Amino acid sequence: MAWIRKDLLGLEDLSREEIELILTTAESFKEISTREIKKVPALRGKTVVNLFYEPSTRTRVSFEVAAKRLSADVINIATETSSVRKGETLIDTGKNIQALKADIIVVRHNCSGAATMLARHLDISVVNAGDGWHEHPTQALLDIFTLKEKFGRIAGLKVSIVGDIAHSRVARSNIWGLTKLGAEVTVCAPKMLIPEGIEKMGARVTYDIDEALKEAEAVNVLRMQFERDEKAAFPQQLEYFKQYGITTQRLKKAKKKIIVMHPGPINRGIEISSEIADGENSVILEQVTNGIAVRMGVLFLVAQARDNNGGNHTD
C-alpha cells in the first residue's frame, strides 16, 4: 500500500497496514546510521521545523538528526524566545511557518489535540511529537520497532506497561499500536494512575506488579510525571518504588529473557533501579537509536504523501 496521509497525528486512527508500512520504511532507513557518511538525499530541498512548546531532549534531537540524515534543512523554534511569548496563537505560528515555505512541522504541545488542530489549518505536513495526555505516535512506533527487532513479531507478544498510565501519551499510543498488531497488553499502576475505561482500548488492567511481570515478554516502564499534576495526588516516591519499581529482585520473578524499555527521561530509584536500567535486560538506549530510523521513515512518508497529493488534506 502507498502512504496517503500528509500528517502523522496519532496511532488511534491508523490501520494495521499503515503502522506496518511505517515500520518497514524505518527498517530500510536504519542501515543509513551505520554508514561512514550517514546521509541520503531523500528530503533534499525540504525544510523541517521543530516547534516545541514543551521541554524535550530525545524527541527533538532525534527528529533533527532524522531530518538531517535525509538531507532536509532543519529549523528549531524555541517557543520561550519566539512570538508565542507575545501572544501569537499556535495556528498563526503554523501559518507563518507555512508562509516561509517550510514543508513539515514537527510539533509538541501541552494541549491534547493541538497537532490535529494545526493540521486542519495547514497544507504542509504536521507530525505530532506529543500532545498533552493524548498521543506520542513516534515514541510508540520506535517502541514497537524495537520489540519487533528483538522478538521478530508483535502478534501474540505479551507486553506490560507499568507506571503513570493516567498522564501518559506514550501509554495510549503504545496500546493503540500494539493491539492493532495483535499484541496482548497489560497496564499496571496504583489505581489512581489508571484512567477509567482504558480496557475499552484493548488493554488488561492489574494493580499487582508481580502479576504484570510474571508472563510478560517485555515491560515498558513509564516515568512518574509529577509536573502534570499536583504532587499530592501521587504516591510518595519511595513508597511507589517499593510497590511498583522495577528492581533486580522483582525481575527475578519474571521471564528470564524479558526486555525492559523506558521512553525516558528515567527517574532512577523512583520507577526503575539503576541496575535494571543499565543491565542486560534493558534496551533503553537501543530505543533511542531506533527512534532515528522511525522518525526518518515518518518524515519521508508524510513528505512523499504531500508531494503526491499536491498538499491536499487526506486525513
C-alpha atoms as a PDB file:
ATOM      1  CA  MET A   1       0.000   0.000   0.000  1.00  0.00           C
ATOM      2  CA  ALA A   2       1.023   3.613  -0.501  1.00  0.00           C
ATOM      3  CA  TRP A   3       1.049   6.112   2.319  1.00  0.00           C
ATOM      4  CA  ILE A   4      -1.541   8.830   1.568  1.00  0.00           C
ATOM      5  CA  ARG A   5      -1.686  10.915   4.756  1.00  0.00           C
ATOM      6  CA  LYS A   6       0.117  14.237   4.758  1.00  0.00           C
ATOM      7  CA  ASP A   7       0.248  14.144   8.582  1.00  0.00           C
ATOM      8  CA  LEU A   8       1.034  11.740  11.403  1.00  0.00           C
ATOM      9  CA  LEU A   9      -1.196  12.743  14.305  1.00  0.00           C
ATOM     10  CA  GLY A  10      -1.658   9.523  16.275  1.00  0.00           C
ATOM     11  CA  LEU A  11      -1.935   5.755  16.059  1.00  0.00           C
ATOM     12  CA  GLU A  12      -5.593   5.523  17.034  1.00  0.00           C
ATOM     13  CA  ASP A  13      -6.707   6.394  13.505  1.00  0.00           C
ATOM     14  CA  LEU A  14      -4.093   4.336  11.654  1.00  0.00           C
ATOM     15  CA  SER A  15      -4.772   0.896  10.229  1.00  0.00           C
ATOM     16  CA  ARG A  16      -2.578  -2.096  10.938  1.00  0.00           C
ATOM     17  CA  GLU A  17      -1.287  -1.867   7.363  1.00  0.00           C
ATOM     18  CA  GLU A  18      -0.292   1.787   7.795  1.00  0.00           C
ATOM     19  CA  ILE A  19       1.599   1.045  11.020  1.00  0.00           C
ATOM     20  CA  GLU A  20       3.381  -1.855   9.332  1.00  0.00           C
ATOM     21  CA  LEU A  21       4.331   0.389   6.391  1.00  0.00           C
ATOM     22  CA  ILE A  22       5.975   2.896   8.754  1.00  0.00           C
ATOM     23  CA  LEU A  23       7.899   0.082  10.468  1.00  0.00           C
ATOM     24  CA  THR A  24       9.030  -1.369   7.128  1.00  0.00           C
ATOM     25  CA  THR A  25      10.131   2.059   5.896  1.00  0.00           C
ATOM     26  CA  ALA A  26      12.024   2.656   9.151  1.00  0.00           C
ATOM     27  CA  GLU A  27      13.768  -0.691   8.775  1.00  0.00           C
ATOM     28  CA  SER A  28      15.034   0.326   5.347  1.00  0.00           C
ATOM     29  CA  PHE A  29      16.427   3.566   6.810  1.00  0.00           C
ATOM     30  CA  LYS A  30      18.143   2.070   9.864  1.00  0.00           C
ATOM     31  CA  GLU A  31      21.165   0.895   7.880  1.00  0.00           C
ATOM     32  CA  ILE A  32      21.988   4.507   6.953  1.00  0.00           C
ATOM     33  CA  SER A  33      23.022   5.228  10.537  1.00  0.00           C
ATOM     34  CA  THR A  34      25.740   2.577  10.309  1.00  0.00           C
ATOM     35  CA  ARG A  35      27.451   4.174   7.310  1.00  0.00           C
ATOM     36  CA  GLU A  36      30.533   6.349   7.456  1.00  0.00           C
ATOM     37  CA  ILE A  37      28.529   9.109   5.734  1.00  0.00           C
ATOM     38  CA  LYS A  38      25.150   8.946   7.452  1.00  0.00           C
ATOM     39  CA  LYS A  39      23.098  10.761   4.838  1.00  0.00           C
ATOM     40  CA  VAL A  40      20.791  10.149   1.867  1.00  0.00           C
ATOM     41  CA  PRO A  41      19.166  12.779  -0.388  1.00  0.00           C
ATOM     42  CA  ALA A  42      15.567  11.649   0.212  1.00  0.00           C
ATOM     43  CA  LEU A  43      14.397  15.055   1.554  1.00  0.00           C
ATOM     44  CA  ARG A  44      16.954  17.314  -0.112  1.00  0.00           C
ATOM     45  CA  GLY A  45      15.392  20.735  -0.638  1.00  0.00           C
ATOM     46  CA  LYS A  46      12.758  20.175   2.079  1.00  0.00           C
ATOM     47  CA  THR A  47      12.584  22.182   5.290  1.00  0.00           C
ATOM     48  CA  VAL A  48      11.554  20.613   8.603  1.00  0.00           C
ATOM     49  CA  VAL A  49      10.602  22.898  11.501  1.00  0.00           C
ATOM     50  CA  ASN A  50      10.709  21.578  15.074  1.00  0.00           C
ATOM     51  CA  LEU A  51       8.108  23.577  17.022  1.00  0.00           C
ATOM     52  CA  PHE A  52       8.280  22.515  20.664  1.00  0.00           C
ATOM     53  CA  TYR A  53       6.073  24.108  23.322  1.00  0.00           C
ATOM     54  CA  GLU A  54       7.349  21.687  25.983  1.00  0.00           C
ATOM     55  CA  PRO A  55      10.895  20.785  27.049  1.00  0.00           C
ATOM     56  CA  SER A  56      12.435  17.869  25.167  1.00  0.00           C
ATOM     57  CA  THR A  57      15.846  16.364  24.584  1.00  0.00           C
ATOM     58  CA  ARG A  58      15.476  12.926  22.993  1.00  0.00           C
ATOM     59  CA  THR A  59      12.488  13.620  20.760  1.00  0.00           C
ATOM     60  CA  ARG A  60      13.608  16.997  19.412  1.00  0.00           C
ATOM     61  CA  VAL A  61      17.195  15.908  18.791  1.00  0.00           C
ATOM     62  CA  SER A  62      16.006  12.615  17.280  1.00  0.00           C
ATOM     63  CA  PHE A  63      13.763  14.447  14.793  1.00  0.00           C
ATOM     64  CA  GLU A  64      16.597  16.860  13.986  1.00  0.00           C
ATOM     65  CA  VAL A  65      19.074  14.037  13.352  1.00  0.00           C
ATOM     66  CA  ALA A  66      16.483  12.130  11.314  1.00  0.00           C
ATOM     67  CA  ALA A  67      15.722  15.140   9.109  1.00  0.00           C
ATOM     68  CA  LYS A  68      19.412  15.916   8.547  1.00  0.00           C
ATOM     69  CA  ARG A  69      20.177  12.309   7.612  1.00  0.00           C
ATOM     70  CA  LEU A  70      17.502  12.674   4.937  1.00  0.00           C
ATOM     71  CA  SER A  71      19.305  15.872   3.770  1.00  0.00           C
ATOM     72  CA  ALA A  72      16.478  18.214   4.846  1.00  0.00           C
ATOM     73  CA  ASP A  73      17.130  21.684   6.231  1.00  0.00           C
ATOM     74  CA  VAL A  74      16.119  21.926   9.900  1.00  0.00           C
ATOM     75  CA  ILE A  75      14.898  24.891  11.914  1.00  0.00           C
ATOM     76  CA  ASN A  76      14.373  24.601  15.674  1.00  0.00           C
ATOM     77  CA  ILE A  77      11.955  27.076  17.242  1.00  0.00           C
ATOM     78  CA  ALA A  78      12.204  27.563  20.989  1.00  0.00           C
ATOM     79  CA  THR A  79       8.820  28.968  21.930  1.00  0.00           C
ATOM     80  CA  GLU A  80      10.179  30.705  25.027  1.00  0.00           C
ATOM     81  CA  THR A  81      12.134  33.053  22.739  1.00  0.00           C
ATOM     82  CA  SER A  82       9.588  33.268  19.902  1.00  0.00           C
ATOM     83  CA  SER A  83       6.494  35.356  19.167  1.00  0.00           C
ATOM     84  CA  VAL A  84       4.494  32.869  21.245  1.00  0.00           C
ATOM     85  CA  ARG A  85       5.684  34.902  24.234  1.00  0.00           C
ATOM     86  CA  LYS A  86       3.925  37.891  22.675  1.00  0.00           C
ATOM     87  CA  GLY A  87       0.597  36.077  22.465  1.00  0.00           C
ATOM     88  CA  GLU A  88       0.756  34.534  18.993  1.00  0.00           C
ATOM     89  CA  THR A  89      -1.576  31.544  18.639  1.00  0.00           C
ATOM     90  CA  LEU A  90      -0.481  28.085  17.551  1.00  0.00           C
ATOM     91  CA  ILE A  91      -2.416  28.408  14.288  1.00  0.00           C
ATOM     92  CA  ASP A  92      -0.912  31.816  13.496  1.00  0.00           C
ATOM     93  CA  THR A  93       2.552  30.452  14.238  1.00  0.00           C
ATOM     94  CA  GLY A  94       1.858  27.496  11.945  1.00  0.00           C
ATOM     95  CA  LYS A  95       0.552  29.687   9.131  1.00  0.00           C
ATOM     96  CA  ASN A  96       3.634  31.891   9.329  1.00  0.00           C
ATOM     97  CA  ILE A  97       5.893  28.849   9.165  1.00  0.00           C
ATOM     98  CA  GLN A  98       3.904  27.659   6.134  1.00  0.00           C
ATOM     99  CA  ALA A  99       4.257  31.106   4.530  1.00  0.00           C
ATOM    100  CA  LEU A 100       8.033  30.725   4.910  1.00  0.00           C
ATOM    101  CA  LYS A 101       7.670  27.687   2.603  1.00  0.00           C
ATOM    102  CA  ALA A 102       8.554  25.048   5.172  1.00  0.00           C
ATOM    103  CA  ASP A 103       7.402  21.540   4.281  1.00  0.00           C
ATOM    104  CA  ILE A 104       6.927  19.750   7.611  1.00  0.00           C
ATOM    105  CA  ILE A 105       6.189  20.966  11.133  1.00  0.00           C
ATOM    106  CA  VAL A 106       7.044  18.638  13.998  1.00  0.00           C
ATOM    107  CA  VAL A 107       5.016  19.925  16.935  1.00  0.00           C
ATOM    108  CA  ARG A 108       4.997  19.145  20.640  1.00  0.00           C
ATOM    109  CA  HIS A 109       2.339  20.854  22.731  1.00  0.00           C
ATOM    110  CA  ASN A 110       0.939  20.571  26.243  1.00  0.00           C
ATOM    111  CA  CYS A 111      -2.676  20.592  24.973  1.00  0.00           C
ATOM    112  CA  SER A 112      -4.283  17.383  23.745  1.00  0.00           C
ATOM    113  CA  GLY A 113      -5.431  17.742  20.150  1.00  0.00           C
ATOM    114  CA  ALA A 114      -3.041  20.598  19.324  1.00  0.00           C
ATOM    115  CA  ALA A 115      -1.372  18.745  16.448  1.00  0.00           C
ATOM    116  CA  THR A 116      -4.720  17.777  14.927  1.00  0.00           C
ATOM    117  CA  MET A 117      -5.991  21.351  15.133  1.00  0.00           C
ATOM    118  CA  LEU A 118      -2.822  22.642  13.475  1.00  0.00           C
ATOM    119  CA  ALA A 119      -3.031  20.072  10.678  1.00  0.00           C
ATOM    120  CA  ARG A 120      -6.599  21.131   9.850  1.00  0.00           C
ATOM    121  CA  HIS A 121      -5.450  24.687   9.176  1.00  0.00           C
ATOM    122  CA  LEU A 122      -2.293  23.931   7.192  1.00  0.00           C
ATOM    123  CA  ASP A 123      -1.495  22.427   3.813  1.00  0.00           C
ATOM    124  CA  ILE A 124       2.023  21.430   4.862  1.00  0.00           C
ATOM    125  CA  SER A 125       2.627  18.236   6.813  1.00  0.00           C
ATOM    126  CA  VAL A 126       2.255  18.076  10.594  1.00  0.00           C
ATOM    127  CA  VAL A 127       3.875  15.380  12.731  1.00  0.00           C
ATOM    128  CA  ASN A 128       2.726  15.019  16.332  1.00  0.00           C
ATOM    129  CA  ALA A 129       5.710  14.837  18.699  1.00  0.00           C
ATOM    130  CA  GLY A 130       3.442  14.576  21.744  1.00  0.00           C
ATOM    131  CA  ASP A 131       0.256  16.454  22.623  1.00  0.00           C
ATOM    132  CA  GLY A 132      -0.837  16.690  26.244  1.00  0.00           C
ATOM    133  CA  TRP A 133      -2.042  13.359  27.591  1.00  0.00           C
ATOM    134  CA  HIS A 134      -3.302  12.320  24.148  1.00  0.00           C
ATOM    135  CA  GLU A 135      -0.687  10.606  21.954  1.00  0.00           C
ATOM    136  CA  HIS A 136       3.027  10.365  21.183  1.00  0.00           C
ATOM    137  CA  PRO A 137       2.925   8.289  17.990  1.00  0.00           C
ATOM    138  CA  THR A 138       6.608   8.212  17.058  1.00  0.00           C
ATOM    139  CA  GLN A 139       7.611   7.076  20.560  1.00  0.00           C
ATOM    140  CA  ALA A 140       5.165   4.179  20.333  1.00  0.00           C
ATOM    141  CA  LEU A 141       6.386   3.355  16.831  1.00  0.00           C
ATOM    142  CA  LEU A 142      10.009   3.202  17.964  1.00  0.00           C
ATOM    143  CA  ASP A 143       8.966   1.069  20.939  1.00  0.00           C
ATOM    144  CA  ILE A 144       7.132  -1.324  18.600  1.00  0.00           C
ATOM    145  CA  PHE A 145      10.044  -1.285  16.152  1.00  0.00           C
ATOM    146  CA  THR A 146      12.388  -2.287  18.984  1.00  0.00           C
ATOM    147  CA  LEU A 147      10.067  -5.094  20.098  1.00  0.00           C
ATOM    148  CA  LYS A 148       9.801  -6.435  16.557  1.00  0.00           C
ATOM    149  CA  GLU A 149      13.574  -6.291  16.193  1.00  0.00           C
ATOM    150  CA  LYS A 150      14.029  -8.270  19.424  1.00  0.00           C
ATOM    151  CA  PHE A 151      11.264 -10.852  19.007  1.00  0.00           C
ATOM    152  CA  GLY A 152      10.714 -10.956  15.253  1.00  0.00           C
ATOM    153  CA  ARG A 153       6.995 -10.445  15.766  1.00  0.00           C
ATOM    154  CA  ILE A 154       4.375  -8.367  17.520  1.00  0.00           C
ATOM    155  CA  ALA A 155       1.337 -10.645  17.149  1.00  0.00           C
ATOM    156  CA  GLY A 156       0.832 -12.646  20.340  1.00  0.00           C
ATOM    157  CA  LEU A 157       3.570 -10.760  22.204  1.00  0.00           C
ATOM    158  CA  LYS A 158       2.794 -10.115  25.884  1.00  0.00           C
ATOM    159  CA  VAL A 159       3.699  -6.550  26.831  1.00  0.00           C
ATOM    160  CA  SER A 160       3.145  -4.903  30.220  1.00  0.00           C
ATOM    161  CA  ILE A 161       3.127  -1.121  30.589  1.00  0.00           C
ATOM    162  CA  VAL A 162       3.904  -0.065  34.159  1.00  0.00           C
ATOM    163  CA  GLY A 163       3.753   3.379  35.746  1.00  0.00           C
ATOM    164  CA  ASP A 164       1.924   6.649  35.328  1.00  0.00           C
ATOM    165  CA  ILE A 165      -0.665   5.453  32.802  1.00  0.00           C
ATOM    166  CA  ALA A 166      -3.099   8.286  33.574  1.00  0.00           C
ATOM    167  CA  HIS A 167      -0.823  11.068  32.335  1.00  0.00           C
ATOM    168  CA  SER A 168       0.990   9.091  29.642  1.00  0.00           C
ATOM    169  CA  ARG A 169       0.523   9.833  25.935  1.00  0.00           C
ATOM    170  CA  VAL A 170       3.197   7.152  25.390  1.00  0.00           C
ATOM    171  CA  ALA A 171       0.975   4.528  27.016  1.00  0.00           C
ATOM    172  CA  ARG A 172      -2.027   5.455  24.871  1.00  0.00           C
ATOM    173  CA  SER A 173      -0.098   5.361  21.599  1.00  0.00           C
ATOM    174  CA  ASN A 174       1.540   2.065  22.576  1.00  0.00           C
ATOM    175  CA  ILE A 175      -1.791   0.481  23.419  1.00  0.00           C
ATOM    176  CA  TRP A 176      -3.335   1.558  20.101  1.00  0.00           C
ATOM    177  CA  GLY A 177      -0.338   0.387  18.087  1.00  0.00           C
ATOM    178  CA  LEU A 178       0.399  -2.863  19.893  1.00  0.00           C
ATOM    179  CA  THR A 179      -3.198  -4.092  19.993  1.00  0.00           C
ATOM    180  CA  LYS A 180      -3.710  -3.345  16.287  1.00  0.00           C
ATOM    181  CA  LEU A 181      -0.700  -5.517  15.539  1.00  0.00           C
ATOM    182  CA  GLY A 182      -2.023  -8.338  17.719  1.00  0.00           C
ATOM    183  CA  ALA A 183      -0.050  -7.963  20.969  1.00  0.00           C
ATOM    184  CA  GLU A 184      -1.545  -8.659  24.399  1.00  0.00           C
ATOM    185  CA  VAL A 185      -1.183  -5.503  26.506  1.00  0.00           C
ATOM    186  CA  THR A 186      -1.434  -5.272  30.299  1.00  0.00           C
ATOM    187  CA  VAL A 187      -1.260  -1.978  32.184  1.00  0.00           C
ATOM    188  CA  CYS A 188      -0.201  -1.824  35.816  1.00  0.00           C
ATOM    189  CA  ALA A 189      -0.116   1.035  38.318  1.00  0.00           C
ATOM    190  CA  PRO A 190      -1.757   2.215  41.533  1.00  0.00           C
ATOM    191  CA  LYS A 191      -5.486   2.630  41.000  1.00  0.00           C
ATOM    192  CA  MET A 192      -5.227   6.449  40.999  1.00  0.00           C
ATOM    193  CA  LEU A 193      -2.900   6.255  37.981  1.00  0.00           C
ATOM    194  CA  ILE A 194      -5.103   4.013  35.826  1.00  0.00           C
ATOM    195  CA  PRO A 195      -7.549   6.055  33.698  1.00  0.00           C
ATOM    196  CA  GLU A 196     -11.172   4.934  33.729  1.00  0.00           C
ATOM    197  CA  GLY A 197     -12.233   2.975  30.657  1.00  0.00           C
ATOM    198  CA  ILE A 198      -8.736   2.039  29.450  1.00  0.00           C
ATOM    199  CA  GLU A 199      -9.962  -1.541  28.976  1.00  0.00           C
ATOM    200  CA  LYS A 200     -12.001  -0.261  26.023  1.00  0.00           C
ATOM    201  CA  MET A 201      -8.720   0.406  24.236  1.00  0.00           C
ATOM    202  CA  GLY A 202      -7.926  -3.293  24.461  1.00  0.00           C
ATOM    203  CA  ALA A 203      -5.641  -3.346  27.490  1.00  0.00           C
ATOM    204  CA  ARG A 204      -5.972  -5.581  30.535  1.00  0.00           C
ATOM    205  CA  VAL A 205      -5.637  -3.894  33.941  1.00  0.00           C
ATOM    206  CA  THR A 206      -3.857  -5.185  37.030  1.00  0.00           C
ATOM    207  CA  TYR A 207      -2.719  -3.410  40.187  1.00  0.00           C
ATOM    208  CA  ASP A 208      -0.273  -6.223  41.059  1.00  0.00           C
ATOM    209  CA  ILE A 209       3.226  -5.596  39.686  1.00  0.00           C
ATOM    210  CA  ASP A 210       4.296  -9.221  40.113  1.00  0.00           C
ATOM    211  CA  GLU A 211       1.291 -10.368  38.103  1.00  0.00           C
ATOM    212  CA  ALA A 212       2.096  -7.817  35.388  1.00  0.00           C
ATOM    213  CA  LEU A 213       5.656  -9.131  35.111  1.00  0.00           C
ATOM    214  CA  LYS A 214       5.001 -12.855  35.510  1.00  0.00           C
ATOM    215  CA  GLU A 215       4.061 -13.689  31.905  1.00  0.00           C
ATOM    216  CA  ALA A 216       5.320 -10.544  30.181  1.00  0.00           C
ATOM    217  CA  GLU A 217       7.917 -10.833  27.439  1.00  0.00           C
ATOM    218  CA  ALA A 218       8.554  -7.097  27.629  1.00  0.00           C
ATOM    219  CA  VAL A 219       7.845  -4.371  30.160  1.00  0.00           C
ATOM    220  CA  ASN A 220       7.652  -0.706  29.203  1.00  0.00           C
ATOM    221  CA  VAL A 221       8.350   1.370  32.317  1.00  0.00           C
ATOM    222  CA  LEU A 222       6.831   4.866  32.355  1.00  0.00           C
ATOM    223  CA  ARG A 223       8.146   7.928  34.110  1.00  0.00           C
ATOM    224  CA  MET A 224       6.180   9.364  37.016  1.00  0.00           C
ATOM    225  CA  GLN A 225       5.078  12.709  35.553  1.00  0.00           C
ATOM    226  CA  PHE A 226       4.957  14.885  38.662  1.00  0.00           C
ATOM    227  CA  GLU A 227       4.880  18.063  36.559  1.00  0.00           C
ATOM    228  CA  ARG A 228       1.491  17.123  35.082  1.00  0.00           C
ATOM    229  CA  ASP A 229      -0.448  17.003  38.339  1.00  0.00           C
ATOM    230  CA  GLU A 230      -0.398  18.132  41.928  1.00  0.00           C
ATOM    231  CA  LYS A 231       2.278  16.129  43.697  1.00  0.00           C
ATOM    232  CA  ALA A 232      -0.174  15.390  46.466  1.00  0.00           C
ATOM    233  CA  ALA A 233      -2.193  13.284  44.028  1.00  0.00           C
ATOM    234  CA  PHE A 234       0.703  10.880  43.527  1.00  0.00           C
ATOM    235  CA  PRO A 235       2.003   8.188  45.841  1.00  0.00           C
ATOM    236  CA  GLN A 236       5.110   9.111  47.788  1.00  0.00           C
ATOM    237  CA  GLN A 237       8.190   8.469  45.639  1.00  0.00           C
ATOM    238  CA  LEU A 238       9.808   5.931  47.953  1.00  0.00           C
ATOM    239  CA  GLU A 239       6.509   4.188  48.515  1.00  0.00           C
ATOM    240  CA  TYR A 240       5.901   3.976  44.767  1.00  0.00           C
ATOM    241  CA  PHE A 241       9.361   2.493  44.179  1.00  0.00           C
ATOM    242  CA  LYS A 242       8.773  -0.044  46.927  1.00  0.00           C
ATOM    243  CA  GLN A 243       5.415  -1.127  45.480  1.00  0.00           C
ATOM    244  CA  TYR A 244       5.948  -0.769  41.713  1.00  0.00           C
ATOM    245  CA  GLY A 245       9.617  -0.043  40.979  1.00  0.00           C
ATOM    246  CA  ILE A 246      11.363  -2.365  38.535  1.00  0.00           C
ATOM    247  CA  THR A 247      14.229  -3.866  40.536  1.00  0.00           C
ATOM    248  CA  THR A 248      16.570  -6.843  40.248  1.00  0.00           C
ATOM    249  CA  GLN A 249      14.651  -8.727  42.923  1.00  0.00           C
ATOM    250  CA  ARG A 250      11.323  -8.098  41.221  1.00  0.00           C
ATOM    251  CA  LEU A 251      12.637  -9.033  37.767  1.00  0.00           C
ATOM    252  CA  LYS A 252      13.832 -12.394  39.097  1.00  0.00           C
ATOM    253  CA  LYS A 253      10.161 -13.382  39.285  1.00  0.00           C
ATOM    254  CA  ALA A 254       9.672 -12.555  35.592  1.00  0.00           C
ATOM    255  CA  LYS A 255      10.725 -14.481  32.496  1.00  0.00           C
ATOM    256  CA  LYS A 256      14.494 -14.667  32.200  1.00  0.00           C
ATOM    257  CA  LYS A 257      14.589 -13.041  28.741  1.00  0.00           C
ATOM    258  CA  ILE A 258      12.106 -10.253  29.493  1.00  0.00           C
ATOM    259  CA  ILE A 259      13.226  -6.985  27.948  1.00  0.00           C
ATOM    260  CA  VAL A 260      12.931  -3.692  29.800  1.00  0.00           C
ATOM    261  CA  MET A 261      12.003  -0.494  27.964  1.00  0.00           C
ATOM    262  CA  HIS A 262      11.622   3.133  29.023  1.00  0.00           C
ATOM    263  CA  PRO A 263      10.707   6.196  26.912  1.00  0.00           C
ATOM    264  CA  GLY A 264      12.886   8.484  29.053  1.00  0.00           C
ATOM    265  CA  PRO A 265      13.815  10.533  30.849  1.00  0.00           C
ATOM    266  CA  ILE A 266      14.470   7.956  33.559  1.00  0.00           C
ATOM    267  CA  ASN A 267      13.839   8.683  37.211  1.00  0.00           C
ATOM    268  CA  ARG A 268      16.305   6.260  38.760  1.00  0.00           C
ATOM    269  CA  GLY A 269      15.188   4.990  42.127  1.00  0.00           C
ATOM    270  CA  ILE A 270      11.583   6.023  41.528  1.00  0.00           C
ATOM    271  CA  GLU A 271      10.261   3.811  38.717  1.00  0.00           C
ATOM    272  CA  ILE A 272      13.360   1.769  37.916  1.00  0.00           C
ATOM    273  CA  SER A 273      16.639   0.876  39.588  1.00  0.00           C
ATOM    274  CA  SER A 274      19.989   1.748  38.012  1.00  0.00           C
ATOM    275  CA  GLU A 275      20.924  -1.946  37.960  1.00  0.00           C
ATOM    276  CA  ILE A 276      17.972  -2.681  35.672  1.00  0.00           C
ATOM    277  CA  ALA A 277      18.215   0.485  33.570  1.00  0.00           C
ATOM    278  CA  ASP A 278      21.862  -0.307  32.793  1.00  0.00           C
ATOM    279  CA  GLY A 279      21.524  -4.096  32.883  1.00  0.00           C
ATOM    280  CA  GLU A 280      21.430  -6.834  30.261  1.00  0.00           C
ATOM    281  CA  ASN A 281      17.625  -6.847  30.027  1.00  0.00           C
ATOM    282  CA  SER A 282      17.500  -3.142  29.155  1.00  0.00           C
ATOM    283  CA  VAL A 283      17.014  -1.938  25.575  1.00  0.00           C
ATOM    284  CA  ILE A 284      16.570   1.714  26.554  1.00  0.00           C
ATOM    285  CA  LEU A 285      19.495   3.036  24.513  1.00  0.00           C
ATOM    286  CA  GLU A 286      18.511   0.826  21.575  1.00  0.00           C
ATOM    287  CA  GLN A 287      15.143   2.564  21.640  1.00  0.00           C
ATOM    288  CA  VAL A 288      16.918   5.902  21.243  1.00  0.00           C
ATOM    289  CA  THR A 289      18.892   4.597  18.262  1.00  0.00           C
ATOM    290  CA  ASN A 290      15.776   3.119  16.669  1.00  0.00           C
ATOM    291  CA  GLY A 291      13.958   6.411  17.137  1.00  0.00           C
ATOM    292  CA  ILE A 292      16.105   7.982  14.424  1.00  0.00           C
ATOM    293  CA  ALA A 293      15.167   5.325  11.856  1.00  0.00           C
ATOM    294  CA  VAL A 294      11.486   5.506  12.765  1.00  0.00           C
ATOM    295  CA  ARG A 295      11.403   9.293  12.502  1.00  0.00           C
ATOM    296  CA  MET A 296      13.286   9.159   9.206  1.00  0.00           C
ATOM    297  CA  GLY A 297      10.556   6.831   7.949  1.00  0.00           C
ATOM    298  CA  VAL A 298       7.761   9.092   9.174  1.00  0.00           C
ATOM    299  CA  LEU A 299       9.266  12.290   7.713  1.00  0.00           C
ATOM    300  CA  PHE A 300       9.874  10.569   4.384  1.00  0.00           C
ATOM    301  CA  LEU A 301       6.332   9.161   4.164  1.00  0.00           C
ATOM    302  CA  VAL A 302       4.458  12.360   5.062  1.00  0.00           C
ATOM    303  CA  ALA A 303       6.609  14.411   2.668  1.00  0.00           C
ATOM    304  CA  GLN A 304       6.022  11.895  -0.108  1.00  0.00           C
ATOM    305  CA  ALA A 305       2.261  11.902   0.535  1.00  0.00           C
ATOM    306  CA  ARG A 306       2.073  15.682   0.430  1.00  0.00           C
ATOM    307  CA  ASP A 307       4.022  15.832  -2.813  1.00  0.00           C
ATOM    308  CA  ASN A 308       1.823  13.131  -4.388  1.00  0.00           C
ATOM    309  CA  ASN A 309      -1.416  14.762  -3.222  1.00  0.00           C
ATOM    310  CA  GLY A 310      -0.477  18.332  -4.025  1.00  0.00           C
ATOM    311  CA  GLY A 311      -0.715  19.406  -0.390  1.00  0.00           C
ATOM    312  CA  ASN A 312      -4.390  18.446  -0.078  1.00  0.00           C
ATOM    313  CA  HIS A 313      -5.799  17.235   3.230  1.00  0.00           C
ATOM    314  CA  THR A 314      -6.139  13.459   3.277  1.00  0.00           C
ATOM    315  CA  ASP A 315      -6.628  12.677   6.964  1.00  0.00           C
END
